Amino acid sequence: METILNSYMLKKIGRITSYILHPMVVSSFTFWFIIYKTGLSLENPNLIFFLSFFFSTALPIITILSFIRMNLVKDLDASSRSERLLPMALGALFFLVGFIVLRRLDSPTIIQGIMFCGIVNTIIVWLITKYWKISVHTVSITSGIVIFWILGYKYIVPMSIILILTVFSRVITNSHTLSQTVVGALVGLTATYTQLVLLFI
């Protein structure tokens, strides 16, 4: 009985952690922090944040909720591999439109770069997901870690803890295997770093 209760508690903690470290939460926090807390000189920070939030987070959430109502996906995570393909394809489109809009507004290069990474990373994950269920959570977390690292926020211990918590939450809830979380982390790390360094930094 104690073992069952411990397992239940661990899974509950894992689910809560998964929602706290959800890719859309991570994306919103990343844009918010960079726009308001890093000293960027912006004439219209509220507009830039709104557009970043709208295309990277609000539209995907609206899409997923609509798909849930239409029984196209079961939950916010789109837990089934096959269910993830259409939301991801639309997510890449949202990032593309957001990138174009932010570029037209001559927003800071790093903001454009993050939106561009959203396009490419989503396409990479979509291609992998056609054949194998990769962890979007760890892709998102390591992408955020790379972005903050490049900006000079090199906090190895807290960043490592956040990554470990993400892996734990996905594995303990049976959302992913350990290998799926590790591959997701590697994709987020290498793809984001390569794009930002080669094209935007």
Protein backbone atom coordinates (compact mmCIF):
# COMPACT_ATOMS: atom_id res chain seq x y z
CA MET A 1 0.00 0.00 0.00
CA GLU A 2 2.79 2.41 0.89
CA THR A 3 4.50 1.68 -2.41
CA ILE A 4 1.29 2.45 -4.30
CA LEU A 5 0.83 5.72 -2.40
CA ASN A 6 4.44 6.72 -3.03
CA SER A 7 4.04 5.97 -6.73
CA TYR A 8 0.81 8.00 -6.84
CA MET A 9 2.45 10.94 -5.10
CA LEU A 10 5.46 10.84 -7.40
CA LYS A 11 3.24 10.84 -10.46
CA LYS A 12 1.20 13.72 -9.05
CA ILE A 13 4.38 15.69 -8.41
CA GLY A 14 5.53 14.80 -11.92
CA ARG A 15 2.30 16.05 -13.47
CA ILE A 16 2.45 19.33 -11.55
CA THR A 17 6.09 19.80 -12.56
CA SER A 18 5.21 19.04 -16.19
CA TYR A 19 2.61 21.81 -16.20
CA ILE A 20 4.93 24.29 -14.48
CA LEU A 21 7.70 23.53 -17.00
CA HIS A 22 5.34 23.22 -19.97
CA PRO A 23 6.91 24.44 -23.26
CA MET A 24 4.36 27.25 -23.54
CA VAL A 25 5.14 28.45 -20.02
CA VAL A 26 8.88 28.30 -20.74
CA SER A 27 8.41 30.22 -24.00
CA SER A 28 6.33 32.94 -22.35
CA PHE A 29 8.77 33.33 -19.47
CA THR A 30 11.74 33.52 -21.85
CA PHE A 31 10.22 36.32 -23.92
CA TRP A 32 9.02 38.16 -20.79
CA PHE A 33 12.40 38.02 -19.08
CA ILE A 34 14.39 39.10 -22.14
CA ILE A 35 12.04 41.95 -23.03
CA TYR A 36 11.57 43.37 -19.53
CA LYS A 37 14.53 42.24 -17.42
CA THR A 38 17.68 42.33 -19.57
CA GLY A 39 17.91 46.04 -20.26
CA LEU A 40 16.91 45.91 -23.91
CA SER A 41 16.23 49.37 -25.28
CA LEU A 42 12.72 49.11 -26.70
CA GLU A 43 10.28 51.83 -27.65
CA ASN A 44 7.36 49.42 -27.54
CA PRO A 45 8.19 46.53 -25.17
CA ASN A 46 4.54 45.77 -24.45
CA LEU A 47 3.74 45.35 -28.13
CA ILE A 48 6.80 43.14 -28.71
CA PHE A 49 5.90 40.97 -25.74
CA PHE A 50 2.25 40.74 -26.79
CA LEU A 51 3.18 39.63 -30.30
CA SER A 52 5.77 37.16 -29.00
CA PHE A 53 3.27 35.72 -26.52
CA PHE A 54 0.43 35.68 -29.04
CA PHE A 55 2.26 33.70 -31.73
CA SER A 56 4.36 31.42 -29.51
CA THR A 57 1.82 30.66 -26.78
CA ALA A 58 -1.72 32.05 -27.15
CA LEU A 59 -2.40 30.72 -30.65
CA PRO A 60 -1.03 27.22 -29.87
CA ILE A 61 -3.14 27.06 -26.68
CA ILE A 62 -6.27 28.16 -28.54
CA THR A 63 -5.52 25.56 -31.21
CA ILE A 64 -5.02 22.73 -28.71
CA LEU A 65 -8.18 23.64 -26.78
CA SER A 66 -10.12 23.71 -30.05
CA PHE A 67 -8.72 20.31 -31.01
CA ILE A 68 -9.68 18.91 -27.60
CA ARG A 69 -13.27 20.08 -28.14
CA MET A 70 -13.25 18.46 -31.58
CA ASN A 71 -11.80 15.22 -30.09
CA LEU A 72 -8.72 15.51 -32.28
CA VAL A 73 -6.44 15.42 -29.23
CA LYS A 74 -7.04 14.11 -25.71
CA ASP A 75 -5.21 16.67 -23.56
CA LEU A 76 -3.02 19.79 -23.54
CA ASP A 77 0.11 17.69 -24.07
CA ALA A 78 -1.36 15.89 -27.10
CA SER A 79 0.00 12.76 -25.44
CA SER A 80 -0.40 10.43 -28.40
CA ARG A 81 2.40 10.66 -30.97
CA SER A 82 -0.01 10.79 -33.91
CA GLU A 83 -2.06 13.54 -32.23
CA ARG A 84 0.97 15.81 -32.06
CA LEU A 85 1.63 16.15 -35.78
CA LEU A 86 -1.11 18.62 -36.75
CA PRO A 87 -0.68 20.92 -33.70
CA MET A 88 3.08 20.97 -34.34
CA ALA A 89 2.62 21.83 -38.00
CA LEU A 90 0.34 24.71 -37.07
CA GLY A 91 2.75 25.71 -34.30
CA ALA A 92 5.55 26.04 -36.85
CA LEU A 93 3.26 28.20 -38.98
CA PHE A 94 2.44 30.43 -36.01
CA PHE A 95 6.15 30.86 -35.26
CA LEU A 96 6.79 31.73 -38.92
CA VAL A 97 4.12 34.44 -38.98
CA GLY A 98 5.37 35.75 -35.63
CA PHE A 99 8.93 35.88 -36.95
CA ILE A 100 7.85 37.82 -40.04
CA VAL A 101 5.82 40.31 -37.98
CA LEU A 102 8.62 40.86 -35.45
CA ARG A 103 11.15 41.27 -38.24
CA ARG A 104 8.96 43.87 -39.94
CA LEU A 105 8.81 45.76 -36.64
CA ASP A 106 12.60 45.61 -36.41
CA SER A 107 12.42 43.96 -32.98
CA PRO A 108 15.68 43.04 -31.21
CA THR A 109 17.71 40.40 -33.00
CA ILE A 110 17.55 37.98 -30.07
CA ILE A 111 13.73 38.11 -30.08
CA GLN A 112 13.69 37.40 -33.81
CA GLY A 113 16.20 34.62 -33.23
CA ILE A 114 14.09 32.91 -30.57
CA MET A 115 11.04 33.01 -32.83
CA PHE A 116 13.11 31.64 -35.72
CA CYS A 117 14.38 28.81 -33.50
CA GLY A 118 10.75 28.06 -32.70
CA ILE A 119 10.09 27.48 -36.40
CA VAL A 120 13.08 25.25 -37.07
CA ASN A 121 12.97 23.33 -33.78
CA THR A 122 9.26 22.60 -34.26
CA ILE A 123 9.90 21.31 -37.77
CA ILE A 124 12.74 19.09 -36.52
CA VAL A 125 10.55 17.72 -33.73
CA TRP A 126 7.68 17.19 -36.18
CA LEU A 127 9.92 15.16 -38.50
CA ILE A 128 11.15 13.01 -35.60
CA THR A 129 7.63 12.62 -34.17
CA LYS A 130 6.43 11.07 -37.42
CA TYR A 131 8.47 8.02 -36.44
CA TRP A 132 9.28 8.35 -32.74
CA LYS A 133 7.87 10.26 -29.76
CA ILE A 134 10.47 12.82 -28.72
CA SER A 135 10.04 15.00 -25.60
CA VAL A 136 8.98 18.54 -26.50
CA HIS A 137 9.39 19.51 -22.85
CA THR A 138 13.13 18.83 -22.84
CA VAL A 139 13.55 20.43 -26.27
CA SER A 140 11.95 23.57 -24.85
CA ILE A 141 13.90 23.56 -21.58
CA THR A 142 17.32 23.14 -23.20
CA SER A 143 16.44 25.76 -25.82
CA GLY A 144 15.70 28.19 -22.98
CA ILE A 145 18.91 27.24 -21.21
CA VAL A 146 20.91 27.94 -24.38
CA ILE A 147 19.22 31.31 -24.87
CA PHE A 148 19.93 32.44 -21.31
CA TRP A 149 23.48 31.04 -21.45
CA ILE A 150 24.23 33.04 -24.62
CA LEU A 151 22.85 36.16 -22.92
CA GLY A 152 25.29 35.65 -20.06
CA TYR A 153 23.08 33.96 -17.47
CA LYS A 154 25.41 31.01 -16.87
CA TYR A 155 23.88 29.39 -13.83
CA ILE A 156 24.94 25.77 -14.20
CA VAL A 157 23.41 24.37 -10.99
CA PRO A 158 19.86 25.81 -11.25
CA MET A 159 19.75 25.14 -14.99
CA SER A 160 20.80 21.52 -14.41
CA ILE A 161 18.20 21.13 -11.67
CA ILE A 162 15.45 22.46 -13.95
CA LEU A 163 16.50 20.05 -16.71
CA ILE A 164 16.62 17.09 -14.30
CA LEU A 165 13.17 18.00 -12.94
CA THR A 166 11.83 18.13 -16.49
CA VAL A 167 13.25 14.71 -17.33
CA PHE A 168 11.92 13.32 -14.04
CA SER A 169 8.43 14.71 -14.61
CA ARG A 170 8.14 13.27 -18.11
CA VAL A 171 9.50 9.85 -17.20
CA ILE A 172 7.65 9.39 -13.88
CA THR A 173 4.30 10.20 -15.53
CA ASN A 174 5.02 7.69 -18.31
CA SER A 175 4.80 10.51 -20.86
CA HIS A 176 8.22 9.59 -22.24
CA THR A 177 11.04 7.15 -21.85
CA LEU A 178 14.40 8.36 -20.57
CA SER A 179 15.87 8.11 -24.07
CA GLN A 180 13.09 10.28 -25.51
CA THR A 181 13.81 13.01 -22.96
CA VAL A 182 17.58 12.81 -23.51
CA VAL A 183 17.23 13.05 -27.29
CA GLY A 184 14.85 15.98 -26.86
CA ALA A 185 17.40 17.74 -24.66
CA LEU A 186 20.16 17.17 -27.22
CA VAL A 187 17.99 18.44 -30.08
CA GLY A 188 17.04 21.60 -28.17
CA LEU A 189 20.63 22.23 -27.15
CA THR A 190 22.33 21.71 -30.52
CA ALA A 191 19.64 23.14 -32.79
CA THR A 192 19.06 26.31 -30.78
CA TYR A 193 22.74 27.01 -30.23
CA THR A 194 23.59 26.45 -33.91
CA GLN A 195 20.82 28.71 -35.19
CA LEU A 196 21.44 31.57 -32.78
CA VAL A 197 25.22 31.58 -33.17
CA LEU A 198 25.25 31.23 -36.95
CA LEU A 199 22.34 33.51 -37.81
CA PHE A 200 21.59 35.95 -34.98
CA ILE A 201 24.54 36.51 -32.65
